[in-house]
Each structure stands twice: as structure tokens, then as C-alpha cells.
C-alpha atoms as a PDB file:
ATOM      1  CA  GLU A   1      -2.763  41.918  -2.420  1.00  0.00           C
ATOM      2  CA  PHE A   2       0.603  41.611  -4.246  1.00  0.00           C
ATOM      3  CA  GLN A   3       1.990  39.570  -1.446  1.00  0.00           C
ATOM      4  CA  ASP A   4      -0.996  37.251  -1.107  1.00  0.00           C
ATOM      5  CA  ASP A   5      -1.073  36.662  -4.890  1.00  0.00           C
ATOM      6  CA  PHE A   6       2.620  36.077  -4.940  1.00  0.00           C
ATOM      7  CA  ILE A   7       2.534  33.534  -1.999  1.00  0.00           C
ATOM      8  CA  TYR A   8      -0.694  31.741  -3.455  1.00  0.00           C
ATOM      9  CA  LEU A   9       1.067  31.243  -6.833  1.00  0.00           C
ATOM     10  CA  LEU A  10       4.276  29.977  -5.208  1.00  0.00           C
ATOM     11  CA  LYS A  11       2.190  27.584  -3.038  1.00  0.00           C
ATOM     12  CA  ARG A  12      -0.027  26.175  -5.825  1.00  0.00           C
ATOM     13  CA  ARG A  13       2.510  26.134  -8.671  1.00  0.00           C
ATOM     14  CA  TYR A  14       5.702  24.938  -6.762  1.00  0.00           C
ATOM     15  CA  GLY A  15       4.533  23.738  -3.351  1.00  0.00           C
ATOM     16  CA  THR A  16       7.513  23.407  -0.905  1.00  0.00           C
ATOM     17  CA  ARG A  17      10.048  23.131  -3.753  1.00  0.00           C
ATOM     18  CA  ARG A  18      13.010  25.524  -3.959  1.00  0.00           C
ATOM     19  CA  ILE A  19      12.694  27.801  -6.812  1.00  0.00           C
ATOM     20  CA  HIS A  20      14.358  31.078  -8.175  1.00  0.00           C
ATOM     21  CA  ALA A  21      12.280  34.047  -7.050  1.00  0.00           C
ATOM     22  CA  ASN A  22      12.540  35.719 -10.472  1.00  0.00           C
ATOM     23  CA  VAL A  23      10.897  32.531 -11.997  1.00  0.00           C
ATOM     24  CA  VAL A  24       7.851  32.972  -9.878  1.00  0.00           C
ATOM     25  CA  TYR A  25       7.718  36.671 -10.459  1.00  0.00           C
ATOM     26  CA  GLN A  26       7.897  36.405 -14.254  1.00  0.00           C
ATOM     27  CA  GLU A  27       4.920  33.874 -14.064  1.00  0.00           C
ATOM     28  CA  TYR A  28       3.018  36.285 -11.786  1.00  0.00           C
ATOM     29  CA  ILE A  29       3.362  39.277 -14.061  1.00  0.00           C
ATOM     30  CA  SER A  30       2.359  37.183 -17.106  1.00  0.00           C
ATOM     31  CA  ASP A  31      -1.288  37.733 -15.720  1.00  0.00           C
ATOM     32  CA  ARG A  32      -2.257  41.012 -17.286  1.00  0.00           C
ATOM     33  CA  HIS A  33      -4.470  41.739 -14.236  1.00  0.00           C
ATOM     34  CA  HIS A  34      -1.579  41.485 -11.667  1.00  0.00           C
ATOM     35  CA  VAL A  35      -0.752  44.094  -9.096  1.00  0.00           C
ATOM     36  CA  HIS A  36       2.294  45.977 -10.199  1.00  0.00           C
ATOM     37  CA  MET A  37       5.184  46.089  -7.713  1.00  0.00           C
ATOM     38  CA  ASN A  38       5.510  49.860  -8.233  1.00  0.00           C
ATOM     39  CA  SER A  39       2.313  50.320  -6.309  1.00  0.00           C
ATOM     40  CA  THR A  40       3.708  48.436  -3.347  1.00  0.00           C
ATOM     41  CA  CYS A  41       6.018  49.381  -0.544  1.00  0.00           C
ATOM     42  CA  TRP A  42       8.763  47.277  -2.003  1.00  0.00           C
ATOM     43  CA  GLU A  43      11.020  48.935  -4.663  1.00  0.00           C
ATOM     44  CA  THR A  44      12.652  45.677  -5.853  1.00  0.00           C
ATOM     45  CA  LEU A  45      12.158  42.102  -5.895  1.00  0.00           C
ATOM     46  CA  THR A  46      15.061  41.529  -3.659  1.00  0.00           C
ATOM     47  CA  ALA A  47      13.562  43.739  -0.976  1.00  0.00           C
ATOM     48  CA  PHE A  48      10.371  41.824  -1.242  1.00  0.00           C
ATOM     49  CA  VAL A  49      12.126  38.318  -0.947  1.00  0.00           C
ATOM     50  CA  LYS A  50      14.140  39.572   2.034  1.00  0.00           C
ATOM     51  CA  TYR A  51      10.766  40.665   3.641  1.00  0.00           C
ATOM     52  CA  LEU A  52       9.396  37.300   3.137  1.00  0.00           C
ATOM     53  CA  GLY A  53      12.388  35.705   4.811  1.00  0.00           C
ATOM     54  CA  ARG A  54      12.196  38.072   7.839  1.00  0.00           C
ATOM     55  CA  GLU A  55       8.465  37.407   8.337  1.00  0.00           C
ATOM     56  CA  GLY A  56       9.005  33.618   8.200  1.00  0.00           C
ATOM     57  CA  LYS A  57       6.679  33.246   5.280  1.00  0.00           C
ATOM     58  CA  CYS A  58       9.225  31.563   3.128  1.00  0.00           C
ATOM     59  CA  THR A  59      12.755  30.223   3.437  1.00  0.00           C
ATOM     60  CA  VAL A  60      15.146  32.381   1.364  1.00  0.00           C
ATOM     61  CA  ASP A  61      18.731  31.999   0.362  1.00  0.00           C
ATOM     62  CA  GLN A  62      21.060  33.903  -2.035  1.00  0.00           C
ATOM     63  CA  THR A  63      23.446  32.271  -4.452  1.00  0.00           C
ATOM     64  CA  GLU A  64      25.595  33.244  -7.351  1.00  0.00           C
ATOM     65  CA  LYS A  65      22.411  32.790  -9.553  1.00  0.00           C
ATOM     66  CA  GLY A  66      20.336  35.071  -7.438  1.00  0.00           C
ATOM     67  CA  TRP A  67      17.658  34.760  -4.716  1.00  0.00           C
ATOM     68  CA  PHE A  68      15.790  31.486  -4.052  1.00  0.00           C
ATOM     69  CA  VAL A  69      12.577  30.962  -2.170  1.00  0.00           C
ATOM     70  CA  THR A  70      10.935  27.830  -0.664  1.00  0.00           C
ATOM     71  CA  TYR A  71       7.231  28.199   0.542  1.00  0.00           C
ATOM     72  CA  ILE A  72       6.777  27.234   4.302  1.00  0.00           C
ATOM     73  CA  ASP A  73       3.481  25.267   4.414  1.00  0.00           C
ATOM     74  CA  ARG A  74       1.677  25.900   7.874  1.00  0.00           C
ATOM     75  CA  ASP A  75      -1.775  24.749   6.826  1.00  0.00           C
ATOM     76  CA  PRO A  76      -3.226  22.635   9.652  1.00  0.00           C
ATOM     77  CA  GLU A  77      -4.707  20.150   7.260  1.00  0.00           C
ATOM     78  CA  VAL A  78      -1.389  19.727   5.428  1.00  0.00           C
ATOM     79  CA  LEU A  79       0.543  19.338   8.819  1.00  0.00           C
ATOM     80  CA  ALA A  80      -2.088  16.799   9.831  1.00  0.00           C
ATOM     81  CA  ARG A  81      -1.687  15.006   6.479  1.00  0.00           C
ATOM     82  CA  GLN A  82       2.216  15.104   6.978  1.00  0.00           C
ATOM     83  CA  GLU A  83       1.703  13.555  10.486  1.00  0.00           C
ATOM     84  CA  LEU A  84      -0.589  10.814   9.095  1.00  0.00           C
ATOM     85  CA  LEU A  85       2.068  10.008   6.588  1.00  0.00           C
ATOM     86  CA  LYS A  86       4.703   9.802   9.187  1.00  0.00           C
ATOM     87  CA  ALA A  87       2.436   7.530  11.310  1.00  0.00           C
ATOM     88  CA  LYS A  88       1.635   5.379   8.317  1.00  0.00           C
ATOM     89  CA  GLU A  89       5.484   5.033   7.535  1.00  0.00           C
ATOM     90  CA  LYS A  90       6.166   4.020  11.127  1.00  0.00           C
ATOM     91  CA  LEU A  91       3.215   1.562  11.074  1.00  0.00           C
ATOM     92  CA  GLU A  92       4.520  -0.048   7.900  1.00  0.00           C
ATOM     93  CA  LEU A  93       8.042  -0.178   9.343  1.00  0.00           C
ATOM     94  CA  ASP A  94       6.709  -1.894  12.395  1.00  0.00           C
ATOM     95  CA  ASP A  95       4.785  -4.446  10.267  1.00  0.00           C
ATOM     96  CA  ALA A  96       7.846  -5.123   8.290  1.00  0.00           C
ATOM     97  CA  GLU A  97       9.925  -5.780  11.426  1.00  0.00           C
ATOM     98  CA  ARG A  98       7.114  -7.916  12.882  1.00  0.00           C
ATOM     99  CA  ASN A  99       6.831  -9.818   9.637  1.00  0.00           C
ATOM    100  CA  ALA A 100      10.649 -10.388   9.625  1.00  0.00           C
ATOM    101  CA  LYS A 101      10.661 -11.591  13.169  1.00  0.00           C
ATOM    102  CA  TYR A 102       7.643 -13.950  12.354  1.00  0.00           C
ATOM    103  CA  ILE A 103       9.606 -15.398   9.451  1.00  0.00           C
ATOM    104  CA  ARG A 104      12.810 -15.934  11.581  1.00  0.00           C
ATOM    105  CA  GLN A 105      10.566 -17.678  14.232  1.00  0.00           C
ATOM    106  CA  GLN A 106       8.928 -19.959  11.587  1.00  0.00           C
ATOM    107  CA  ILE A 107      12.363 -20.903  10.044  1.00  0.00           C
ATOM    108  CA  ASP A 108      13.770 -21.673  13.515  1.00  0.00           C
ATOM    109  CA  LYS A 109      10.676 -23.824  14.280  1.00  0.00           C
ATOM    110  CA  ALA A 110      10.921 -25.671  10.916  1.00  0.00           C
ATOM    111  CA  VAL A 111      14.628 -26.408  11.454  1.00  0.00           C
ATOM    112  CA  LYS A 112      14.008 -27.699  14.964  1.00  0.00           C
ATOM    113  CA  ASP A 113      11.144 -30.031  13.758  1.00  0.00           C
ATOM    114  CA  GLU A 114      13.409 -31.397  11.097  1.00  0.00           C
ATOM    115  CA  SER A 115      16.114 -32.029  13.556  1.00  0.00           C
ATOM    116  CA  VAL A 116      13.742 -33.809  15.885  1.00  0.00           C
ATOM    117  CA  ASP A 117      12.173 -36.103  13.280  1.00  0.00           C
ATOM    118  CA  GLU A 118      15.398 -36.967  11.685  1.00  0.00           C
ATOM    119  CA  ARG A 119      16.285 -40.622  12.544  1.00  0.00           C
ATOM    120  CA  LYS A 120      19.617 -42.045  11.625  1.00  0.00           C
ATOM    121  CA  PRO A 121      19.910 -45.961  10.772  1.00  0.00           C
ATOM    122  CA  SER A 122      21.816 -47.897  13.148  1.00  0.00           C
ATOM    123  CA  GLU A 123      23.527 -51.347  12.932  1.00  0.00           C
ATOM    124  CA  LEU A 124      21.894 -54.341  14.354  1.00  0.00           C
ATOM    125  CA  LYS A 125      23.959 -55.875  17.015  1.00  0.00           C
ATOM    126  CA  ARG A 126      23.389 -59.141  19.061  1.00  0.00           C
ATOM    127  CA  GLU A 127      24.884 -59.383  22.494  1.00  0.00           C
ATOM    128  CA  GLY A 128      25.616 -62.838  23.674  1.00  0.00           C
ATOM    129  CA  GLU A 129      23.773 -65.987  22.734  1.00  0.00           C
ATOM    130  CA  VAL A 130      19.900 -65.832  22.272  1.00  0.00           C
ATOM    131  CA  ASP A 131      17.737 -68.923  22.691  1.00  0.00           C
ATOM    132  CA  LYS A 132      15.192 -69.754  19.987  1.00  0.00           C
ATOM    133  CA  VAL A 133      11.583 -69.164  20.770  1.00  0.00           C
ATOM    134  CA  VAL A 134       9.143 -72.076  20.077  1.00  0.00           C
ATOM    135  CA  PHE A 135       5.344 -71.880  19.894  1.00  0.00           C
ATOM    136  CA  ALA A 136       3.254 -74.944  20.822  1.00  0.00           C
ATOM    137  CA  MET A 137      -0.402 -75.141  19.654  1.00  0.00           C
ATOM    138  CA  PRO A 138      -2.790 -76.608  22.366  1.00  0.00           C
ATOM    139  CA  THR A 139      -4.453 -78.976  19.797  1.00  0.00           C
ATOM    140  CA  SER A 140      -5.213 -81.582  22.517  1.00  0.00           C
ATOM    141  CA  LYS A 141      -7.809 -79.338  24.345  1.00  0.00           C
ATOM    142  CA  ILE A 142      -9.576 -78.610  21.209  1.00  0.00           C
ATOM    143  CA  ALA A 143      -9.910 -82.237  20.310  1.00  0.00           C
ATOM    144  CA  GLN A 144     -11.504 -82.883  23.755  1.00  0.00           C
ATOM    145  CA  LYS A 145     -14.327 -80.554  23.308  1.00  0.00           C
ATOM    146  CA  SER A 146     -17.615 -81.911  22.313  1.00  0.00           C
ATOM    147  CA  LYS A 147     -19.855 -80.830  19.422  1.00  0.00           C
ATOM    148  CA  ALA A 148     -22.408 -79.340  21.912  1.00  0.00           C
ATOM    149  CA  ASP A 149     -19.603 -77.132  23.365  1.00  0.00           C
ATOM    150  CA  LEU A 150     -18.516 -75.846  20.036  1.00  0.00           C
ATOM    151  CA  LEU A 151     -22.136 -75.009  19.054  1.00  0.00           C
ATOM    152  CA  SER A 152     -22.756 -73.113  22.245  1.00  0.00           C
ATOM    153  CA  GLU A 153     -19.596 -71.082  21.759  1.00  0.00           C
ATOM    154  CA  LYS A 154     -20.729 -70.201  18.179  1.00  0.00           C
ATOM    155  CA  THR A 155     -24.086 -69.119  19.435  1.00  0.00           C
ATOM    156  CA  SER A 156     -22.774 -66.882  22.299  1.00  0.00           C
ATOM    157  CA  ALA A 157     -20.257 -65.317  19.684  1.00  0.00           C
ATOM    158  CA  LEU A 158     -23.179 -64.457  17.421  1.00  0.00           C
ATOM    159  CA  ASP A 159     -25.139 -62.856  20.153  1.00  0.00           C
ATOM    160  CA  LYS A 160     -22.240 -60.646  21.149  1.00  0.00           C
ATOM    161  CA  ILE A 161     -21.926 -59.446  17.468  1.00  0.00           C
ATOM    162  CA  GLU A 162     -25.586 -58.455  17.381  1.00  0.00           C
ATOM    163  CA  THR A 163     -25.564 -56.526  20.681  1.00  0.00           C
ATOM    164  CA  THR A 164     -22.284 -54.762  19.887  1.00  0.00           C
ATOM    165  CA  THR A 165     -22.459 -51.254  18.318  1.00  0.00           C
ATOM    166  CA  PHE A 166     -19.426 -50.021  16.245  1.00  0.00           C
ATOM    167  CA  ALA A 167     -18.433 -46.333  16.409  1.00  0.00           C
ATOM    168  CA  ARG A 168     -17.155 -44.695  13.378  1.00  0.00           C
ATOM    169  CA  PRO A 169     -13.492 -43.975  13.755  1.00  0.00           C
ATOM    170  CA  THR A 170     -12.770 -40.282  14.218  1.00  0.00           C
ATOM    171  CA  LYS A 171      -9.741 -38.505  12.849  1.00  0.00           C
ATOM    172  CA  ARG A 172      -7.275 -37.504  15.454  1.00  0.00           C
ATOM    173  CA  PRO A 173      -6.168 -33.954  15.595  1.00  0.00           C
ATOM    174  CA  SER A 174      -2.479 -35.065  15.060  1.00  0.00           C
ATOM    175  CA  ASP A 175      -3.645 -36.522  11.666  1.00  0.00           C
ATOM    176  CA  LYS A 176      -4.242 -32.986  10.298  1.00  0.00           C
ATOM    177  CA  ARG A 177      -1.332 -31.809   8.240  1.00  0.00           C
ATOM    178  CA  LYS A 178       0.456 -28.807   9.747  1.00  0.00           C
ATOM    179  CA  LYS A 179       1.068 -25.679   7.652  1.00  0.00           C
ATOM    180  CA  SER A 180       4.482 -24.904   6.537  1.00  0.00           C
ATOM    181  CA  ALA A 181       6.203 -21.685   7.351  1.00  0.00           C
ATOM    182  CA  LEU A 182       6.033 -20.615   3.742  1.00  0.00           C
ATOM    183  CA  GLU A 183       2.277 -21.281   3.737  1.00  0.00           C
ATOM    184  CA  ASP A 184       1.692 -19.092   6.771  1.00  0.00           C
ATOM    185  CA  ILE A 185       3.739 -16.231   5.263  1.00  0.00           C
ATOM    186  CA  MET A 186       1.646 -16.322   2.004  1.00  0.00           C
ATOM    187  CA  GLU A 187      -1.467 -16.291   4.074  1.00  0.00           C
ATOM    188  CA  GLU A 188      -0.326 -13.291   5.991  1.00  0.00           C
ATOM    189  CA  GLU A 189       0.681 -11.422   2.764  1.00  0.00           C
ATOM    190  CA  GLU A 190      -2.690 -12.265   1.142  1.00  0.00           C
ATOM    191  CA  LYS A 191      -4.546 -10.820   4.301  1.00  0.00           C
ATOM    192  CA  LYS A 192      -2.432  -7.496   3.912  1.00  0.00           C
ATOM    193  CA  LYS A 193      -3.283  -7.213   0.121  1.00  0.00           C
ATOM    194  CA  SER A 194      -7.046  -7.688   0.802  1.00  0.00           C
ATOM    195  CA  LYS A 195      -6.922  -4.801   3.402  1.00  0.00           C
ATOM    196  CA  LEU A 196      -5.334  -2.441   0.901  1.00  0.00           C
ATOM    197  CA  ARG A 197      -7.828  -3.484  -1.847  1.00  0.00           C
ATOM    198  CA  HIS A 198     -10.793  -1.599  -0.118  1.00  0.00           C
ATOM    199  CA  VAL A 199      -9.331   1.733  -1.431  1.00  0.00           C
ATOM    200  CA  ASP A 200     -10.902   3.005  -4.617  1.00  0.00           C
ATOM    201  CA  ALA A 201      -8.686   2.685  -7.788  1.00  0.00           C
ATOM    202  CA  TRP A 202      -8.387   6.146  -9.197  1.00  0.00           C
ATOM    203  CA  LEU A 203      -5.296   5.765 -11.305  1.00  0.00           C
ATOM    204  CA  ARG A 204      -5.969   6.612 -15.043  1.00  0.00           C
ATOM    205  CA  LYS A 205      -3.852   6.579 -18.113  1.00  0.00           C
ATOM    206  CA  GLY A 206      -2.974  10.035 -19.503  1.00  0.00           C
ATOM    207  CA  ILE A 207      -3.241  12.091 -16.267  1.00  0.00           C
ATOM    208  CA  ILE A 208      -0.535  14.095 -14.564  1.00  0.00           C
ATOM    209  CA  VAL A 209       0.406  13.137 -10.879  1.00  0.00           C
ATOM    210  CA  LYS A 210       3.147  13.880  -8.435  1.00  0.00           C
ATOM    211  CA  ILE A 211       5.296  11.169  -6.838  1.00  0.00           C
ATOM    212  CA  LEU A 212       5.342  11.169  -2.967  1.00  0.00           C
ATOM    213  CA  ASN A 213       7.669   8.319  -2.307  1.00  0.00           C
ATOM    214  CA  LYS A 214      11.032   9.618  -0.860  1.00  0.00           C
ATOM    215  CA  GLU A 215      12.744   6.225  -1.167  1.00  0.00           C
ATOM    216  CA  LEU A 216      12.839   6.719  -5.058  1.00  0.00           C
ATOM    217  CA  GLY A 217      15.264   9.577  -4.615  1.00  0.00           C
ATOM    218  CA  ASP A 218      15.478  13.112  -6.080  1.00  0.00           C
ATOM    219  CA  LYS A 219      15.099  11.727  -9.526  1.00  0.00           C
ATOM    220  CA  PHE A 220      11.430  10.941  -8.989  1.00  0.00           C
ATOM    221  CA  TYR A 221      10.482  12.446  -5.436  1.00  0.00           C
ATOM    222  CA  LYS A 222       8.162  15.409  -5.908  1.00  0.00           C
ATOM    223  CA  ARG A 223       8.255  15.194  -9.742  1.00  0.00           C
ATOM    224  CA  LYS A 224       5.415  15.546 -12.058  1.00  0.00           C
ATOM    225  CA  CYS A 225       4.742  12.519 -14.149  1.00  0.00           C
ATOM    226  CA  LEU A 226       2.518  11.428 -16.938  1.00  0.00           C
ATOM    227  CA  VAL A 227       0.637   7.968 -16.346  1.00  0.00           C
ATOM    228  CA  LYS A 228       1.680   6.043 -19.363  1.00  0.00           C
ATOM    229  CA  GLU A 229      -0.031   2.720 -18.478  1.00  0.00           C
ATOM    230  CA  VAL A 230      -2.194   1.207 -15.713  1.00  0.00           C
ATOM    231  CA  VAL A 231      -0.932  -2.283 -14.975  1.00  0.00           C
ATOM    232  CA  ASP A 232      -3.201  -3.635 -12.150  1.00  0.00           C
ATOM    233  CA  ARG A 233      -5.705  -1.011 -11.279  1.00  0.00           C
ATOM    234  CA  TYR A 234      -3.716   0.268  -8.382  1.00  0.00           C
ATOM    235  CA  ILE A 235      -0.372   0.147 -10.079  1.00  0.00           C
ATOM    236  CA  GLY A 236       0.914   2.279 -13.018  1.00  0.00           C
ATOM    237  CA  ILE A 237       3.906   3.127 -15.153  1.00  0.00           C
ATOM    238  CA  VAL A 238       4.634   6.758 -14.962  1.00  0.00           C
ATOM    239  CA  GLU A 239       7.122   9.038 -16.910  1.00  0.00           C
ATOM    240  CA  VAL A 240       8.785  11.969 -15.428  1.00  0.00           C
ATOM    241  CA  LEU A 241       7.889  15.178 -17.512  1.00  0.00           C
ATOM    242  CA  GLU A 242      11.357  16.904 -17.146  1.00  0.00           C
ATOM    243  CA  SER A 243      13.710  13.776 -17.644  1.00  0.00           C
ATOM    244  CA  GLY A 244      11.572  11.182 -19.299  1.00  0.00           C
ATOM    245  CA  ALA A 245      12.595   8.597 -16.649  1.00  0.00           C
ATOM    246  CA  ARG A 246      10.014   5.895 -16.045  1.00  0.00           C
ATOM    247  CA  VAL A 247       9.066   3.891 -12.890  1.00  0.00           C
ATOM    248  CA  LYS A 248       6.545   1.352 -11.911  1.00  0.00           C
ATOM    249  CA  ILE A 249       4.685   2.623  -8.729  1.00  0.00           C
ATOM    250  CA  ASP A 250       1.460   2.197  -6.606  1.00  0.00           C
ATOM    251  CA  GLN A 251      -1.144   4.874  -6.564  1.00  0.00           C
ATOM    252  CA  ALA A 252      -0.712   5.143  -2.792  1.00  0.00           C
ATOM    253  CA  ASP A 253       2.645   6.907  -3.523  1.00  0.00           C
ATOM    254  CA  LEU A 254       0.994   9.417  -5.977  1.00  0.00           C
ATOM    255  CA  GLU A 255      -1.072  12.567  -5.622  1.00  0.00           C
ATOM    256  CA  THR A 256      -3.214  14.376  -8.133  1.00  0.00           C
ATOM    257  CA  VAL A 257      -2.244  17.696  -9.794  1.00  0.00           C
ATOM    258  CA  ILE A 258      -4.557  20.623 -10.025  1.00  0.00           C
ATOM    259  CA  PRO A 259      -4.218  22.754 -13.319  1.00  0.00           C
ATOM    260  CA  SER A 260      -4.651  26.503 -13.731  1.00  0.00           C
ATOM    261  CA  TYR A 261      -8.076  27.981 -14.439  1.00  0.00           C
ATOM    262  CA  GLY A 262      -9.599  26.998 -17.796  1.00  0.00           C
ATOM    263  CA  ARG A 263      -7.441  23.996 -18.186  1.00  0.00           C
ATOM    264  CA  GLY A 264      -8.730  20.420 -18.680  1.00  0.00           C
ATOM    265  CA  VAL A 265      -9.149  17.948 -15.990  1.00  0.00           C
ATOM    266  CA  MET A 266     -10.276  14.340 -15.634  1.00  0.00           C
ATOM    267  CA  ILE A 267     -12.646  13.115 -12.906  1.00  0.00           C
ATOM    268  CA  LEU A 268     -11.255  10.121 -11.089  1.00  0.00           C
ATOM    269  CA  LYS A 269     -14.013   9.192  -8.551  1.00  0.00           C
ATOM    270  CA  GLY A 270     -17.721   9.332  -8.181  1.00  0.00           C
ATOM    271  CA  SER A 271     -20.611   8.958 -10.606  1.00  0.00           C
ATOM    272  CA  TYR A 272     -18.771  11.044 -13.271  1.00  0.00           C
ATOM    273  CA  LYS A 273     -15.521   9.013 -13.168  1.00  0.00           C
ATOM    274  CA  GLY A 274     -13.642   9.095 -16.364  1.00  0.00           C
ATOM    275  CA  LEU A 275     -15.195  12.270 -17.789  1.00  0.00           C
ATOM    276  CA  ILE A 276     -13.170  15.237 -18.994  1.00  0.00           C
ATOM    277  CA  GLY A 277     -14.067  18.796 -17.868  1.00  0.00           C
ATOM    278  CA  THR A 278     -12.605  22.258 -17.353  1.00  0.00           C
ATOM    279  CA  LEU A 279     -11.506  23.813 -14.120  1.00  0.00           C
ATOM    280  CA  GLU A 280     -13.856  26.755 -13.384  1.00  0.00           C
ATOM    281  CA  SER A 281     -13.072  27.753  -9.896  1.00  0.00           C
ATOM    282  CA  LEU A 282     -10.909  26.629  -6.868  1.00  0.00           C
ATOM    283  CA  ASP A 283     -11.521  26.900  -3.119  1.00  0.00           C
ATOM    284  CA  ALA A 284      -8.114  26.854  -1.430  1.00  0.00           C
ATOM    285  CA  GLU A 285      -9.707  26.878   2.093  1.00  0.00           C
ATOM    286  CA  LYS A 286     -11.996  23.832   1.578  1.00  0.00           C
ATOM    287  CA  PHE A 287      -9.510  22.091  -0.802  1.00  0.00           C
ATOM    288  CA  CYS A 288     -12.066  21.644  -3.497  1.00  0.00           C
ATOM    289  CA  VAL A 289     -12.800  22.765  -7.150  1.00  0.00           C
ATOM    290  CA  SER A 290     -15.593  23.198  -9.457  1.00  0.00           C
ATOM    291  CA  ILE A 291     -15.599  21.418 -12.878  1.00  0.00           C
ATOM    292  CA  ARG A 292     -17.660  21.932 -16.039  1.00  0.00           C
ATOM    293  CA  LEU A 293     -18.113  18.793 -18.024  1.00  0.00           C
ATOM    294  CA  ASN A 294     -17.062  18.955 -21.673  1.00  0.00           C
ATOM    295  CA  ALA A 295     -18.655  15.779 -22.986  1.00  0.00           C
ATOM    296  CA  GLY A 296     -21.300  13.240 -22.373  1.00  0.00           C
ATOM    297  CA  SER A 297     -25.138  13.584 -21.758  1.00  0.00           C
ATOM    298  CA  ASP A 298     -24.433  16.096 -18.957  1.00  0.00           C
ATOM    299  CA  LYS A 299     -22.157  18.197 -21.114  1.00  0.00           C
ATOM    300  CA  GLY A 300     -22.043  21.818 -19.787  1.00  0.00           C
ATOM    301  CA  LYS A 301     -22.991  20.881 -16.434  1.00  0.00           C
ATOM    302  CA  LEU A 302     -21.223  22.366 -13.406  1.00  0.00           C
ATOM    303  CA  ILE A 303     -19.941  20.061 -10.736  1.00  0.00           C
ATOM    304  CA  ARG A 304     -19.195  21.842  -7.495  1.00  0.00           C
ATOM    305  CA  ASN A 305     -17.099  20.999  -4.347  1.00  0.00           C
ATOM    306  CA  MET A 306     -14.996  18.237  -5.777  1.00  0.00           C
ATOM    307  CA  ALA A 307     -12.055  17.352  -3.651  1.00  0.00           C
ATOM    308  CA  TYR A 308      -8.519  17.885  -4.908  1.00  0.00           C
ATOM    309  CA  GLU A 309      -7.813  14.113  -4.925  1.00  0.00           C
ATOM    310  CA  ASP A 310     -10.945  13.404  -7.045  1.00  0.00           C
ATOM    311  CA  VAL A 311      -9.738  15.182 -10.113  1.00  0.00           C
ATOM    312  CA  SER A 312      -6.239  15.580 -11.924  1.00  0.00           C
ATOM    313  CA  LYS A 313      -4.810  17.480 -14.841  1.00  0.00           C
END
């Protein structure tokens, strides 16, 4: 029981972050209902930490400051989520490469079209002597025609006009203006944004979240932050609790934080979205919690089986 409670606290409180073993132990014994180490088979905390390392339950290492432990998460759902994140990162990388290749092709095409359409002015040159062109009007034939002949020509011309049908000119496909490379790129980006917008916006001002984006570095990665401001439903400005550093980030790079029992939480999704409640119970196997509402017309109501990602501290 001591081992299970210790590992559960390490998993829920610190995740896979490297932490001093004594820090975890001090937090564990702060609960007055904890199991004392004197009643276990381990005489010291060092012996217990070495046991965790031998059994492969944690990664342990000794420094000048003492023993440090790192929880090894072998939960199938967590491993599946990590694989899904890796696949998502690979897909985004492939999309970025395809987009860059498409941009290069459009630029090369635009440069090629400009080089073909470009016409340089040339100097007019005459080679040798050119004879003048003279036009002679056949006035003598017109004078010889009689009035009857002219009248018959007019009548036949009118008959042709009446029997002729005129078709409305249609636009040629070539008359349609071609899209530029920049317009094609903007259209592709707009399509990508519309695909991402089908996800529910759960980001709220005042909640505690954890950053998952490795590209931000150790200064932000896996750090708990306070959401100071929501800019565009899906994007917020967060402040690291430890250092006070701020960053603008998308909700896709964040995860919710579950507090300890009896602490306040905010509901982020569903019909009770935006309401404040108290954490009553937690089911680690089903990754869900039970919340008792603190305000509103349903004050005191117990909401069961709410997923971790639907609430946050």
C-alpha cells in the first residue's frame, strides 16, 4: 500500500518529471492517514528508492544532493497518446514540406510565365527599296449599274438579315484570370485553418494548464502556467507559475491540470461549461473525475464521469 500510494502521488503530482525523492516523500507523509515506512519492509527511503530502480518502476539516479526519481509511465492509453502525438508531428512536418515544395513550384511557374510573356522592343529596319502601294476604287462598275439592280441588291440584303440568327458571344476559357501563386497559397492556408476550427474551444482565463510543445524549450515545456488572457478563442497568453515568463500559445499545445481532492476546478466543456466546482473523486483507470457544482441553479449537484480534458484547476 505504501508503494502504490507513493507511486500514485509521484505519477499524479509530478508526471514523468525528474524530482528529488525526499520531496515526494515529505508530501506523502503530510497526509495524516499515510502508511508509515516503519511498517514496511524498507528501513530507509534510500532502500525504497533503490528497489523502485531495480524493479523498473522508476528511473533513479544519485547526485550530491541525494536520490532523484523519474516515473516511467507504461499506461497503454498514455503510450497510445504519445504515439498519436508523434504521428501528428510527423504529419504536420510532411504537410510543411509539401507546402514548401508547392510554394517553390508556384514561384518557378510564375518566373517562367513572366519570362515567356516579356517582349523587348526592337528597332524598325527596312531592307532595300519598297514600292508604294496604290489602291484604285472601281467607280466605273458602280456607275454602270441600273436602279433596278441596286434595288434588288438591297432587297436581298434585307432578306438575309431577317433570316440570320445571331449567337451571343461566349467567353473563352482563356479570358478567365489565372490565380497567382500567392492567392493559391492563401487559399490552402484558409482550408487548413477551417479544418482546425472544428475542435471545441476550451481555453479559459484563470485556469491552470501545462505546456506540451517541446519546441519552446525547457523554459516552457512541461511547465504549469496560468492563462492570463484568451486572444482568439483557441489562442491564449499564459504565464509560467515558477518563473513568470509569458508566451502566446495555441490550446492544441496545452493540457489541463487536475488538482487534489477538495480543490476548485472549472468545467471547460459540455452543458456546464464555465461553472466552478469542487473535485470530489478521481478514477485513474477511466481517466475521469466527479465534480460537485459550487454555483448556479444546480449548486450542490454531483457531475460524474467527466474526462480529465473537460476540467482544469
